[in-house]
């Protein structure tokens, strides 16, 4: 099916999949913000994808969109490519975890299924990428993952970092510098009642983070 799809269409399907992980439908404005285009342009593309044969998404005016099984399959294939590439770049070629996202974005559309298979075998059939994000299986099933973000924790709770969002290189560099990487353990020392800033004990260091950052870190409570 992918042979007839443009890179832009694949990007739309991937973004819609990500936006609907924690809510049933994705709004036009949310898609436009992620794509960096005008809402009117998004609407035109959504109508086109809904009219595809087979339909790649289900679109209702003013009610957002959700992927069809066909659209979900394409999205998961691209996500599998992306996350395998990130891990390959990181572990085999020595890229930093803040450098791999952009490179994988460029390569995810063009690698063959044979290359995907060789990368997976070379890496030992990995389950997560460098940021802790789950890698879809060959059968295009997304493994279970935490949906609890750090900003939801309260004072006194301890947790282990499971994954972080990967599209902000500056944030990734900062998180690495303070030790907030996958599998790191932390304790919430204090939660500000005025601005929801969290004071965290991370190893021997105390770190204060605001909600813009803590919403992008997903954890497992200990």
N, C-alpha and C. Protein backbone atom coordinates (compact mmCIF):
# COMPACT_ATOMS: atom_id res chain seq x y z
N UNK A 1 0.82 -1.21 0.00
CA UNK A 1 0.00 0.00 0.00
C UNK A 1 0.86 1.27 0.00
N UNK A 2 1.99 1.23 0.71
CA UNK A 2 2.80 2.44 0.86
C UNK A 2 3.40 2.92 -0.44
N UNK A 3 3.50 2.04 -1.43
CA UNK A 3 4.14 2.43 -2.68
C UNK A 3 3.44 3.62 -3.33
N UNK A 4 2.15 3.79 -3.07
CA UNK A 4 1.37 4.85 -3.70
C UNK A 4 1.21 6.08 -2.82
N UNK A 5 1.90 6.12 -1.68
CA UNK A 5 1.73 7.21 -0.74
C UNK A 5 2.95 8.12 -0.74
N UNK A 6 2.70 9.42 -0.67
CA UNK A 6 3.80 10.38 -0.60
C UNK A 6 4.34 10.44 0.82
N UNK A 7 5.52 11.02 0.96
CA UNK A 7 6.09 11.19 2.29
C UNK A 7 5.20 12.07 3.16
N UNK A 8 4.59 13.08 2.54
CA UNK A 8 3.70 13.97 3.31
C UNK A 8 2.51 13.20 3.87
N UNK A 9 1.93 12.32 3.08
CA UNK A 9 0.80 11.52 3.56
C UNK A 9 1.24 10.64 4.72
N UNK A 10 2.40 10.02 4.59
CA UNK A 10 2.89 9.18 5.68
C UNK A 10 3.11 10.00 6.95
N UNK A 11 3.60 11.23 6.79
CA UNK A 11 3.78 12.10 7.96
C UNK A 11 2.44 12.42 8.61
N UNK A 12 1.44 12.70 7.80
CA UNK A 12 0.10 12.97 8.35
C UNK A 12 -0.40 11.78 9.16
N UNK A 13 -0.27 10.59 8.61
CA UNK A 13 -0.79 9.40 9.29
C UNK A 13 -0.03 9.15 10.60
N UNK A 14 1.28 9.36 10.57
CA UNK A 14 2.07 9.17 11.78
C UNK A 14 1.67 10.16 12.87
N UNK A 15 1.49 11.42 12.49
CA UNK A 15 1.14 12.45 13.47
C UNK A 15 -0.27 12.20 14.03
N UNK A 16 -1.20 11.81 13.17
CA UNK A 16 -2.56 11.51 13.66
C UNK A 16 -2.52 10.34 14.63
N UNK A 17 -1.73 9.33 14.31
CA UNK A 17 -1.60 8.19 15.23
C UNK A 17 -1.10 8.66 16.59
N UNK A 18 -0.06 9.48 16.60
CA UNK A 18 0.51 9.95 17.85
C UNK A 18 -0.48 10.82 18.63
N UNK A 19 -1.24 11.65 17.93
CA UNK A 19 -2.20 12.52 18.59
C UNK A 19 -3.38 11.74 19.18
N UNK A 20 -3.68 10.57 18.63
CA UNK A 20 -4.83 9.81 19.11
C UNK A 20 -4.43 8.67 20.04
N UNK A 21 -3.21 8.67 20.53
CA UNK A 21 -2.81 7.64 21.48
C UNK A 21 -3.56 7.79 22.80
N UNK A 22 -3.85 9.04 23.19
CA UNK A 22 -4.48 9.27 24.49
C UNK A 22 -5.84 9.94 24.36
N UNK A 23 -6.34 10.09 23.15
CA UNK A 23 -7.68 10.63 22.93
C UNK A 23 -8.23 10.01 21.65
N UNK A 24 -9.55 9.93 21.53
CA UNK A 24 -10.11 9.17 20.40
C UNK A 24 -9.91 9.81 19.02
N UNK A 25 -9.88 11.14 18.96
CA UNK A 25 -9.80 11.80 17.66
C UNK A 25 -8.80 12.95 17.73
N UNK A 26 -8.23 13.30 16.58
CA UNK A 26 -7.29 14.41 16.48
C UNK A 26 -7.96 15.58 15.79
N UNK A 27 -7.80 16.76 16.34
CA UNK A 27 -8.42 17.95 15.76
C UNK A 27 -7.59 18.48 14.60
N UNK A 28 -8.25 19.21 13.70
CA UNK A 28 -7.55 19.82 12.58
C UNK A 28 -6.48 20.78 13.05
N UNK A 29 -6.79 21.58 14.08
CA UNK A 29 -5.82 22.55 14.58
C UNK A 29 -4.60 21.87 15.18
N UNK A 30 -4.81 20.77 15.91
CA UNK A 30 -3.67 20.05 16.50
C UNK A 30 -2.77 19.48 15.41
N UNK A 31 -3.38 18.93 14.36
CA UNK A 31 -2.60 18.39 13.24
C UNK A 31 -1.84 19.51 12.55
N UNK A 32 -2.51 20.65 12.32
CA UNK A 32 -1.87 21.78 11.66
C UNK A 32 -0.66 22.27 12.45
N UNK A 33 -0.80 22.33 13.77
CA UNK A 33 0.30 22.78 14.61
C UNK A 33 1.50 21.85 14.50
N UNK A 34 1.24 20.54 14.54
CA UNK A 34 2.33 19.57 14.44
C UNK A 34 2.97 19.57 13.05
N UNK A 35 2.16 19.77 12.01
CA UNK A 35 2.68 19.75 10.65
C UNK A 35 3.32 21.08 10.25
N UNK A 36 2.96 22.15 10.96
CA UNK A 36 3.48 23.47 10.61
C UNK A 36 2.86 24.05 9.36
N UNK A 37 1.57 23.76 9.15
CA UNK A 37 0.85 24.27 7.98
C UNK A 37 -0.47 24.88 8.42
N UNK A 38 -1.14 25.54 7.50
CA UNK A 38 -2.42 26.18 7.81
C UNK A 38 -3.52 25.13 7.97
N UNK A 39 -4.49 25.39 8.88
CA UNK A 39 -5.60 24.46 9.05
C UNK A 39 -6.35 24.15 7.76
N UNK A 40 -6.47 25.15 6.88
CA UNK A 40 -7.18 24.91 5.62
C UNK A 40 -6.47 23.86 4.78
N UNK A 41 -5.14 23.89 4.79
CA UNK A 41 -4.38 22.88 4.05
C UNK A 41 -4.59 21.50 4.64
N UNK A 42 -4.65 21.45 5.98
CA UNK A 42 -4.88 20.16 6.65
C UNK A 42 -6.24 19.60 6.27
N UNK A 43 -7.26 20.44 6.26
CA UNK A 43 -8.60 19.99 5.92
C UNK A 43 -8.63 19.34 4.53
N UNK A 44 -7.96 19.98 3.59
CA UNK A 44 -7.91 19.42 2.23
C UNK A 44 -7.26 18.05 2.20
N UNK A 45 -6.17 17.90 2.94
CA UNK A 45 -5.48 16.61 2.97
C UNK A 45 -6.33 15.55 3.66
N UNK A 46 -7.01 15.92 4.75
CA UNK A 46 -7.83 14.96 5.47
C UNK A 46 -8.97 14.43 4.59
N UNK A 47 -9.58 15.31 3.83
CA UNK A 47 -10.64 14.88 2.92
C UNK A 47 -10.09 13.92 1.86
N UNK A 48 -8.89 14.22 1.40
CA UNK A 48 -8.26 13.36 0.39
C UNK A 48 -7.98 11.96 0.97
N UNK A 49 -7.48 11.91 2.19
CA UNK A 49 -7.14 10.62 2.79
C UNK A 49 -8.40 9.83 3.15
N UNK A 50 -9.48 10.55 3.49
CA UNK A 50 -10.74 9.87 3.78
C UNK A 50 -11.35 9.28 2.53
N UNK A 51 -11.05 9.88 1.36
CA UNK A 51 -11.59 9.40 0.09
C UNK A 51 -10.68 8.37 -0.59
N UNK A 52 -9.54 8.10 0.01
CA UNK A 52 -8.60 7.12 -0.57
C UNK A 52 -9.27 5.75 -0.63
N UNK A 53 -8.74 4.88 -1.45
CA UNK A 53 -9.24 3.51 -1.53
C UNK A 53 -8.10 2.54 -1.25
N UNK A 54 -8.04 1.91 -0.09
CA UNK A 54 -9.04 2.01 0.99
C UNK A 54 -8.89 3.32 1.77
N UNK A 55 -9.93 3.78 2.46
CA UNK A 55 -9.83 5.00 3.26
C UNK A 55 -8.75 4.85 4.33
N UNK A 56 -7.95 5.91 4.51
CA UNK A 56 -6.87 5.87 5.50
C UNK A 56 -7.27 6.53 6.82
N UNK A 57 -8.35 7.29 6.80
CA UNK A 57 -8.87 7.88 8.03
C UNK A 57 -10.35 8.15 7.88
N UNK A 58 -10.98 8.38 9.01
CA UNK A 58 -12.41 8.72 9.06
C UNK A 58 -12.50 10.16 9.51
N UNK A 59 -13.08 11.01 8.65
CA UNK A 59 -13.12 12.45 8.89
C UNK A 59 -14.55 12.93 9.03
N UNK A 60 -14.79 13.69 10.10
CA UNK A 60 -16.09 14.36 10.27
C UNK A 60 -15.84 15.82 10.57
N UNK A 61 -16.43 16.69 9.79
CA UNK A 61 -16.22 18.13 9.95
C UNK A 61 -16.52 18.57 11.38
N UNK A 62 -15.60 19.32 11.96
CA UNK A 62 -15.70 19.86 13.33
C UNK A 62 -15.59 18.79 14.41
N UNK A 63 -15.33 17.55 14.03
CA UNK A 63 -15.19 16.49 15.02
C UNK A 63 -13.85 15.75 14.92
N UNK A 64 -12.93 16.29 14.11
CA UNK A 64 -11.61 15.68 14.03
C UNK A 64 -11.60 14.39 13.25
N UNK A 65 -10.50 13.64 13.40
CA UNK A 65 -10.30 12.43 12.61
C UNK A 65 -9.77 11.29 13.47
N UNK A 66 -9.94 10.09 12.97
CA UNK A 66 -9.27 8.92 13.53
C UNK A 66 -8.85 8.03 12.37
N UNK A 67 -7.80 7.28 12.56
CA UNK A 67 -7.29 6.42 11.51
C UNK A 67 -8.17 5.19 11.33
N UNK A 68 -8.30 4.75 10.10
CA UNK A 68 -8.89 3.45 9.82
C UNK A 68 -7.83 2.38 10.08
N UNK A 69 -8.19 1.09 10.09
CA UNK A 69 -7.17 0.04 10.23
C UNK A 69 -6.07 0.15 9.17
N UNK A 70 -6.42 0.52 7.95
CA UNK A 70 -5.40 0.67 6.90
C UNK A 70 -4.46 1.83 7.20
N UNK A 71 -5.02 2.95 7.65
CA UNK A 71 -4.18 4.10 7.99
C UNK A 71 -3.31 3.82 9.19
N UNK A 72 -3.85 3.10 10.16
CA UNK A 72 -3.08 2.75 11.36
C UNK A 72 -1.90 1.85 11.00
N UNK A 73 -2.10 0.92 10.06
CA UNK A 73 -1.03 0.03 9.65
C UNK A 73 0.12 0.81 9.02
N UNK A 74 -0.20 1.77 8.17
CA UNK A 74 0.84 2.59 7.54
C UNK A 74 1.58 3.39 8.60
N UNK A 75 0.83 4.00 9.52
CA UNK A 75 1.46 4.81 10.56
C UNK A 75 2.42 3.98 11.41
N UNK A 76 2.00 2.79 11.80
CA UNK A 76 2.84 1.94 12.64
C UNK A 76 4.09 1.47 11.90
N UNK A 77 3.97 1.24 10.61
CA UNK A 77 5.14 0.85 9.83
C UNK A 77 6.18 1.97 9.79
N UNK A 78 5.71 3.20 9.58
CA UNK A 78 6.62 4.35 9.56
C UNK A 78 7.24 4.56 10.94
N UNK A 79 6.45 4.41 11.99
CA UNK A 79 6.97 4.57 13.35
C UNK A 79 8.01 3.48 13.65
N UNK A 80 7.76 2.26 13.19
CA UNK A 80 8.76 1.20 13.38
C UNK A 80 10.06 1.56 12.68
N UNK A 81 9.97 2.02 11.44
CA UNK A 81 11.16 2.46 10.72
C UNK A 81 11.90 3.54 11.52
N UNK A 82 11.14 4.54 11.95
CA UNK A 82 11.73 5.70 12.62
C UNK A 82 12.48 5.29 13.89
N UNK A 83 11.85 4.49 14.72
CA UNK A 83 12.46 4.17 16.01
C UNK A 83 13.60 3.18 15.88
N UNK A 84 13.53 2.26 14.92
CA UNK A 84 14.67 1.39 14.65
C UNK A 84 15.85 2.22 14.13
N UNK A 85 15.57 3.16 13.25
CA UNK A 85 16.64 4.02 12.73
C UNK A 85 17.27 4.84 13.84
N UNK A 86 16.46 5.40 14.73
CA UNK A 86 17.02 6.17 15.84
C UNK A 86 17.99 5.32 16.66
N UNK A 87 17.58 4.11 16.97
CA UNK A 87 18.43 3.25 17.78
C UNK A 87 19.69 2.84 17.02
N UNK A 88 19.55 2.56 15.73
CA UNK A 88 20.71 2.21 14.91
C UNK A 88 21.70 3.36 14.85
N UNK A 89 21.21 4.56 14.63
CA UNK A 89 22.08 5.73 14.58
C UNK A 89 22.79 5.96 15.90
N UNK A 90 22.06 5.72 16.99
CA UNK A 90 22.61 5.96 18.33
C UNK A 90 23.64 4.89 18.72
N UNK A 91 23.26 3.63 18.55
CA UNK A 91 24.11 2.54 19.05
C UNK A 91 25.22 2.14 18.08
N UNK A 92 24.96 2.25 16.80
CA UNK A 92 25.94 1.77 15.81
C UNK A 92 26.79 2.90 15.25
N UNK A 93 26.20 4.06 15.02
CA UNK A 93 26.93 5.16 14.40
C UNK A 93 27.34 6.25 15.39
N UNK A 94 26.93 6.11 16.65
CA UNK A 94 27.41 7.03 17.67
C UNK A 94 26.72 8.38 17.73
N UNK A 95 25.55 8.52 17.12
CA UNK A 95 24.80 9.77 17.23
C UNK A 95 24.30 9.93 18.67
N UNK A 96 24.24 11.19 19.13
CA UNK A 96 23.64 11.48 20.43
C UNK A 96 22.14 11.32 20.37
N UNK A 97 21.51 11.10 21.54
CA UNK A 97 20.06 10.89 21.53
C UNK A 97 19.32 12.16 21.13
N UNK A 98 20.00 13.30 21.15
CA UNK A 98 19.40 14.56 20.71
C UNK A 98 19.58 14.78 19.21
N UNK A 99 20.34 13.91 18.53
CA UNK A 99 20.62 14.09 17.11
C UNK A 99 19.85 13.14 16.21
N UNK A 100 19.31 12.06 16.76
CA UNK A 100 18.79 10.99 15.91
C UNK A 100 17.42 11.28 15.31
N UNK A 101 16.61 12.12 15.96
CA UNK A 101 15.23 12.31 15.52
C UNK A 101 15.17 12.88 14.10
N UNK A 102 15.92 13.96 13.86
CA UNK A 102 15.88 14.59 12.53
C UNK A 102 16.38 13.67 11.44
N UNK A 103 17.46 12.93 11.73
CA UNK A 103 17.99 12.00 10.74
C UNK A 103 16.98 10.90 10.44
N UNK A 104 16.36 10.36 11.49
CA UNK A 104 15.37 9.29 11.28
C UNK A 104 14.16 9.81 10.52
N UNK A 105 13.76 11.07 10.76
CA UNK A 105 12.65 11.65 10.01
C UNK A 105 12.93 11.62 8.51
N UNK A 106 14.18 11.89 8.13
CA UNK A 106 14.52 11.93 6.71
C UNK A 106 14.62 10.53 6.10
N UNK A 107 15.01 9.55 6.90
CA UNK A 107 15.26 8.21 6.36
C UNK A 107 14.07 7.26 6.46
N UNK A 108 13.13 7.55 7.35
CA UNK A 108 12.06 6.59 7.64
C UNK A 108 11.21 6.25 6.43
N UNK A 109 11.11 7.17 5.48
CA UNK A 109 10.24 6.96 4.32
C UNK A 109 10.90 6.13 3.22
N UNK A 110 12.23 6.01 3.26
CA UNK A 110 12.92 5.49 2.09
C UNK A 110 13.61 4.15 2.31
N UNK A 111 13.76 3.69 3.55
CA UNK A 111 14.43 2.41 3.73
C UNK A 111 13.50 1.27 3.27
N UNK A 112 14.11 0.21 2.78
CA UNK A 112 13.33 -0.95 2.32
C UNK A 112 12.96 -1.83 3.50
N UNK A 113 12.04 -2.75 3.26
CA UNK A 113 11.67 -3.69 4.31
C UNK A 113 12.85 -4.62 4.63
N UNK A 114 13.68 -4.89 3.64
CA UNK A 114 14.86 -5.72 3.89
C UNK A 114 15.83 -4.99 4.82
N UNK A 115 16.03 -3.69 4.59
CA UNK A 115 16.91 -2.94 5.48
C UNK A 115 16.33 -2.87 6.89
N UNK A 116 15.03 -2.65 6.99
CA UNK A 116 14.38 -2.64 8.31
C UNK A 116 14.67 -3.96 9.05
N UNK A 117 14.54 -5.07 8.34
CA UNK A 117 14.75 -6.38 8.94
C UNK A 117 16.21 -6.55 9.38
N UNK A 118 17.13 -6.11 8.55
CA UNK A 118 18.55 -6.25 8.90
C UNK A 118 18.90 -5.37 10.11
N UNK A 119 18.34 -4.18 10.17
CA UNK A 119 18.60 -3.31 11.31
C UNK A 119 18.07 -3.96 12.59
N UNK A 120 16.85 -4.48 12.53
CA UNK A 120 16.25 -5.11 13.71
C UNK A 120 17.10 -6.29 14.18
N UNK A 121 17.57 -7.11 13.24
CA UNK A 121 18.40 -8.25 13.61
C UNK A 121 19.74 -7.81 14.18
N UNK A 122 20.33 -6.80 13.56
CA UNK A 122 21.64 -6.30 14.03
C UNK A 122 21.54 -5.75 15.45
N UNK A 123 20.41 -5.15 15.78
CA UNK A 123 20.23 -4.55 17.10
C UNK A 123 19.71 -5.54 18.14
N UNK A 124 19.44 -6.80 17.72
CA UNK A 124 18.97 -7.79 18.68
C UNK A 124 17.50 -7.71 18.97
N UNK A 125 16.70 -7.35 17.97
CA UNK A 125 15.24 -7.26 18.10
C UNK A 125 14.84 -6.35 19.28
N UNK A 126 15.22 -5.09 19.22
CA UNK A 126 14.97 -4.17 20.35
C UNK A 126 13.49 -3.85 20.53
N UNK A 127 13.14 -3.48 21.75
CA UNK A 127 11.75 -3.14 22.07
C UNK A 127 11.53 -1.64 22.23
N UNK A 128 12.61 -0.88 22.48
CA UNK A 128 12.47 0.57 22.66
C UNK A 128 13.59 1.30 21.94
N UNK A 129 13.35 2.57 21.62
CA UNK A 129 14.36 3.40 20.97
C UNK A 129 15.20 4.13 22.03
N UNK A 130 16.14 5.01 21.64
CA UNK A 130 17.00 5.65 22.65
C UNK A 130 16.26 6.51 23.67
N UNK A 131 15.04 6.92 23.33
CA UNK A 131 14.26 7.77 24.24
C UNK A 131 13.26 6.97 25.07
N UNK A 132 13.33 5.63 24.94
CA UNK A 132 12.41 4.78 25.68
C UNK A 132 11.09 4.55 24.99
N UNK A 133 10.91 5.09 23.78
CA UNK A 133 9.64 4.93 23.06
C UNK A 133 9.55 3.50 22.52
N UNK A 134 8.37 2.86 22.65
CA UNK A 134 8.23 1.47 22.20
C UNK A 134 8.30 1.36 20.68
N UNK A 135 8.98 0.31 20.22
CA UNK A 135 9.11 0.04 18.78
C UNK A 135 8.03 -0.95 18.37
N UNK A 136 7.17 -0.60 17.42
CA UNK A 136 6.17 -1.58 16.96
C UNK A 136 6.83 -2.87 16.48
N UNK A 137 6.15 -3.98 16.70
CA UNK A 137 6.68 -5.28 16.29
C UNK A 137 6.58 -5.44 14.77
N UNK A 138 7.15 -6.54 14.27
CA UNK A 138 7.01 -6.85 12.84
C UNK A 138 5.56 -6.95 12.43
N UNK A 139 4.73 -7.42 13.36
CA UNK A 139 3.30 -7.56 13.09
C UNK A 139 2.57 -6.23 13.25
N UNK A 140 3.32 -5.15 13.47
CA UNK A 140 2.80 -3.78 13.62
C UNK A 140 1.86 -3.67 14.81
N UNK A 141 2.30 -4.24 15.92
CA UNK A 141 1.61 -4.10 17.20
C UNK A 141 2.49 -3.22 18.09
N UNK A 142 1.89 -2.19 18.67
CA UNK A 142 2.64 -1.29 19.55
C UNK A 142 2.66 -1.87 20.95
N UNK A 143 3.86 -2.16 21.49
CA UNK A 143 3.93 -2.73 22.84
C UNK A 143 3.33 -1.78 23.88
N UNK A 144 2.89 -2.33 25.03
CA UNK A 144 2.34 -1.47 26.10
C UNK A 144 3.38 -0.45 26.55
N UNK A 145 2.91 0.73 26.93
CA UNK A 145 3.80 1.77 27.41
C UNK A 145 3.04 2.68 28.37
N UNK A 146 3.79 3.36 29.22
CA UNK A 146 3.18 4.22 30.23
C UNK A 146 2.56 5.46 29.59
N UNK A 147 1.39 5.83 30.08
CA UNK A 147 0.76 7.09 29.68
C UNK A 147 0.72 8.07 30.84
N UNK A 148 1.44 7.74 31.93
CA UNK A 148 1.48 8.60 33.11
C UNK A 148 2.64 9.58 32.96
N UNK A 149 2.34 10.85 32.81
CA UNK A 149 3.39 11.85 32.66
C UNK A 149 3.84 12.35 34.02
N UNK A 150 5.07 12.83 34.07
CA UNK A 150 5.68 13.26 35.32
C UNK A 150 4.88 14.36 35.99
N UNK A 151 4.23 15.21 35.21
CA UNK A 151 3.48 16.33 35.80
C UNK A 151 2.28 15.87 36.63
N UNK A 152 1.91 14.60 36.54
CA UNK A 152 0.78 14.09 37.31
C UNK A 152 1.17 13.59 38.70
N UNK A 153 2.47 13.53 38.99
CA UNK A 153 2.91 13.02 40.29
C UNK A 153 2.75 14.07 41.38
N UNK A 154 2.68 13.58 42.60
CA UNK A 154 2.53 14.45 43.77
C UNK A 154 3.75 14.33 44.67
N UNK A 155 3.85 15.24 45.63
CA UNK A 155 4.98 15.23 46.56
C UNK A 155 5.10 13.88 47.25
N UNK A 156 6.32 13.39 47.35
CA UNK A 156 6.59 12.14 48.04
C UNK A 156 6.58 10.91 47.15
N UNK A 157 6.07 11.04 45.93
CA UNK A 157 6.03 9.87 45.04
C UNK A 157 7.39 9.65 44.37
N UNK A 158 7.74 8.39 44.21
CA UNK A 158 8.95 8.02 43.49
C UNK A 158 8.57 7.31 42.20
N UNK A 159 9.41 7.45 41.19
CA UNK A 159 9.09 6.87 39.89
C UNK A 159 10.36 6.58 39.12
N UNK A 160 10.19 5.80 38.05
CA UNK A 160 11.28 5.51 37.12
C UNK A 160 10.89 6.07 35.76
N UNK A 161 11.82 6.78 35.13
CA UNK A 161 11.56 7.33 33.80
C UNK A 161 11.44 6.18 32.81
N UNK A 162 10.33 6.16 32.05
CA UNK A 162 10.15 5.14 31.02
C UNK A 162 10.52 5.66 29.65
N UNK A 163 10.04 6.87 29.33
CA UNK A 163 10.29 7.41 27.99
C UNK A 163 10.14 8.92 28.02
N UNK A 164 10.71 9.59 27.01
CA UNK A 164 10.58 11.04 26.88
C UNK A 164 10.25 11.36 25.43
N UNK A 165 9.57 12.47 25.22
CA UNK A 165 9.30 12.92 23.86
C UNK A 165 10.63 13.27 23.19
N UNK A 166 10.71 13.04 21.87
CA UNK A 166 12.02 13.09 21.23
C UNK A 166 12.20 14.17 20.19
N UNK A 167 11.27 15.13 20.07
CA UNK A 167 11.35 16.07 18.96
C UNK A 167 11.93 17.44 19.33
N UNK A 168 12.48 17.59 20.53
CA UNK A 168 13.08 18.85 20.95
C UNK A 168 14.53 18.56 21.38
N UNK A 169 15.46 18.83 20.49
CA UNK A 169 16.86 18.49 20.75
C UNK A 169 17.41 19.23 21.96
N UNK A 170 17.04 20.50 22.13
CA UNK A 170 17.52 21.28 23.27
C UNK A 170 17.04 20.65 24.58
N UNK A 171 15.78 20.24 24.61
CA UNK A 171 15.24 19.61 25.82
C UNK A 171 15.97 18.30 26.09
N UNK A 172 16.22 17.50 25.06
CA UNK A 172 16.91 16.23 25.26
C UNK A 172 18.31 16.44 25.82
N UNK A 173 19.00 17.45 25.32
CA UNK A 173 20.34 17.74 25.85
C UNK A 173 20.26 18.13 27.32
N UNK A 174 19.25 18.93 27.67
CA UNK A 174 19.11 19.33 29.07
C UNK A 174 18.77 18.13 29.96
N UNK A 175 17.82 17.32 29.54
CA UNK A 175 17.45 16.15 30.34
C UNK A 175 18.63 15.23 30.55
N UNK A 176 19.44 15.06 29.52
CA UNK A 176 20.63 14.21 29.65
C UNK A 176 21.59 14.80 30.68
N UNK A 177 21.72 16.12 30.68
CA UNK A 177 22.68 16.78 31.58
C UNK A 177 22.28 16.63 33.04
N UNK A 178 20.97 16.48 33.32
CA UNK A 178 20.52 16.34 34.71
C UNK A 178 20.17 14.89 35.07
N UNK A 179 20.44 13.97 34.14
CA UNK A 179 20.25 12.56 34.44
C UNK A 179 18.84 12.04 34.28
N UNK A 180 17.95 12.80 33.62
CA UNK A 180 16.57 12.34 33.42
C UNK A 180 16.47 11.61 32.08
N UNK A 181 16.92 10.38 32.10
CA UNK A 181 16.94 9.52 30.92
C UNK A 181 16.17 8.25 31.26
N UNK A 182 15.79 7.46 30.25
CA UNK A 182 15.07 6.22 30.54
C UNK A 182 15.78 5.35 31.57
N UNK A 183 14.98 4.83 32.49
CA UNK A 183 15.40 3.96 33.61
C UNK A 183 15.95 4.73 34.80
N UNK A 184 16.11 6.05 34.68
CA UNK A 184 16.53 6.84 35.83
C UNK A 184 15.41 6.89 36.87
N UNK A 185 15.76 6.86 38.15
CA UNK A 185 14.78 6.93 39.22
C UNK A 185 14.79 8.32 39.85
N UNK A 186 13.63 8.75 40.31
CA UNK A 186 13.47 10.08 40.86
C UNK A 186 12.45 10.07 41.98
N UNK A 187 12.49 11.12 42.79
CA UNK A 187 11.49 11.33 43.84
C UNK A 187 11.02 12.77 43.78
N UNK A 188 9.71 12.97 43.87
CA UNK A 188 9.16 14.33 43.89
C UNK A 188 9.28 14.86 45.32
N UNK A 189 10.12 15.87 45.49
CA UNK A 189 10.32 16.47 46.81
C UNK A 189 9.22 17.46 47.15
N UNK A 190 8.79 18.21 46.15
CA UNK A 190 7.79 19.25 46.40
C UNK A 190 7.08 19.59 45.10
N UNK A 191 5.81 19.88 45.21
CA UNK A 191 5.03 20.36 44.07
C UNK A 191 4.50 21.74 44.41
N UNK A 192 4.82 22.74 43.58
CA UNK A 192 4.35 24.09 43.83
C UNK A 192 2.86 24.20 43.54
N UNK A 193 2.12 24.74 44.49
CA UNK A 193 0.67 24.88 44.29
C UNK A 193 0.34 26.08 43.41
N UNK A 194 1.32 26.90 43.08
CA UNK A 194 1.06 28.11 42.29
C UNK A 194 1.31 27.90 40.79
N UNK A 195 2.35 27.16 40.46
CA UNK A 195 2.70 27.02 39.04
C UNK A 195 2.96 25.57 38.63
N UNK A 196 2.71 24.61 39.56
CA UNK A 196 2.88 23.18 39.27
C UNK A 196 4.32 22.80 38.94
N UNK A 197 5.29 23.63 39.33
CA UNK A 197 6.69 23.22 39.20
C UNK A 197 6.96 22.07 40.16
N UNK A 198 7.80 21.14 39.72
CA UNK A 198 8.18 20.01 40.55
C UNK A 198 9.65 20.13 40.95
N UNK A 199 9.90 19.94 42.24
CA UNK A 199 11.27 19.82 42.74
C UNK A 199 11.57 18.34 42.86
N UNK A 200 12.59 17.87 42.13
CA UNK A 200 12.86 16.44 42.01
C UNK A 200 14.24 16.09 42.55
N UNK A 201 14.32 14.96 43.22
CA UNK A 201 15.61 14.37 43.57
C UNK A 201 15.95 13.35 42.50
N UNK A 202 17.03 13.61 41.76
CA UNK A 202 17.49 12.72 40.71
C UNK A 202 18.93 12.35 41.03
N UNK A 203 19.13 11.16 41.56
CA UNK A 203 20.46 10.80 42.02
C UNK A 203 20.88 11.71 43.15
N UNK A 204 22.05 12.33 43.02
CA UNK A 204 22.55 13.23 44.05
C UNK A 204 22.12 14.68 43.82
N UNK A 205 21.33 14.92 42.78
CA UNK A 205 20.99 16.28 42.40
C UNK A 205 19.51 16.60 42.63
N UNK A 206 19.23 17.87 42.90
CA UNK A 206 17.86 18.37 42.97
C UNK A 206 17.61 19.21 41.72
N UNK A 207 16.54 18.90 41.02
CA UNK A 207 16.20 19.57 39.77
C UNK A 207 14.79 20.12 39.88
N UNK A 208 14.57 21.34 39.43
CA UNK A 208 13.24 21.95 39.41
C UNK A 208 12.80 22.08 37.96
N UNK A 209 11.63 21.50 37.65
CA UNK A 209 11.11 21.51 36.28
C UNK A 209 9.68 22.02 36.26
N UNK A 210 9.34 22.77 35.22
CA UNK A 210 7.99 23.26 35.03
C UNK A 210 7.16 22.30 34.22
N UNK A 211 5.85 22.55 34.15
CA UNK A 211 4.95 21.61 33.47
C UNK A 211 5.22 21.45 31.98
N UNK A 212 5.79 22.45 31.32
CA UNK A 212 6.09 22.30 29.89
C UNK A 212 7.05 21.15 29.67
N UNK A 213 7.95 20.93 30.63
CA UNK A 213 8.92 19.84 30.53
C UNK A 213 8.34 18.56 31.11
N UNK A 214 7.72 18.62 32.27
CA UNK A 214 7.28 17.39 32.94
C UNK A 214 6.16 16.69 32.17
N UNK A 215 5.43 17.42 31.30
CA UNK A 215 4.41 16.78 30.47
C UNK A 215 5.02 15.91 29.38
N UNK A 216 6.30 16.08 29.14
CA UNK A 216 6.97 15.34 28.05
C UNK A 216 7.80 14.16 28.56
N UNK A 217 7.69 13.88 29.85
CA UNK A 217 8.41 12.76 30.46
C UNK A 217 7.39 11.79 31.02
N UNK A 218 7.48 10.52 30.64
CA UNK A 218 6.52 9.51 31.07
C UNK A 218 7.21 8.54 32.02
N UNK A 219 6.49 8.18 33.09
CA UNK A 219 7.13 7.44 34.19
C UNK A 219 6.29 6.25 34.63
N UNK A 220 6.95 5.38 35.38
CA UNK A 220 6.30 4.28 36.07
C UNK A 220 6.49 4.51 37.56
N UNK A 221 5.40 4.58 38.30
CA UNK A 221 5.50 4.84 39.74
C UNK A 221 6.11 3.63 40.43
N UNK A 222 7.03 3.89 41.36
CA UNK A 222 7.68 2.82 42.12
C UNK A 222 6.92 2.54 43.41
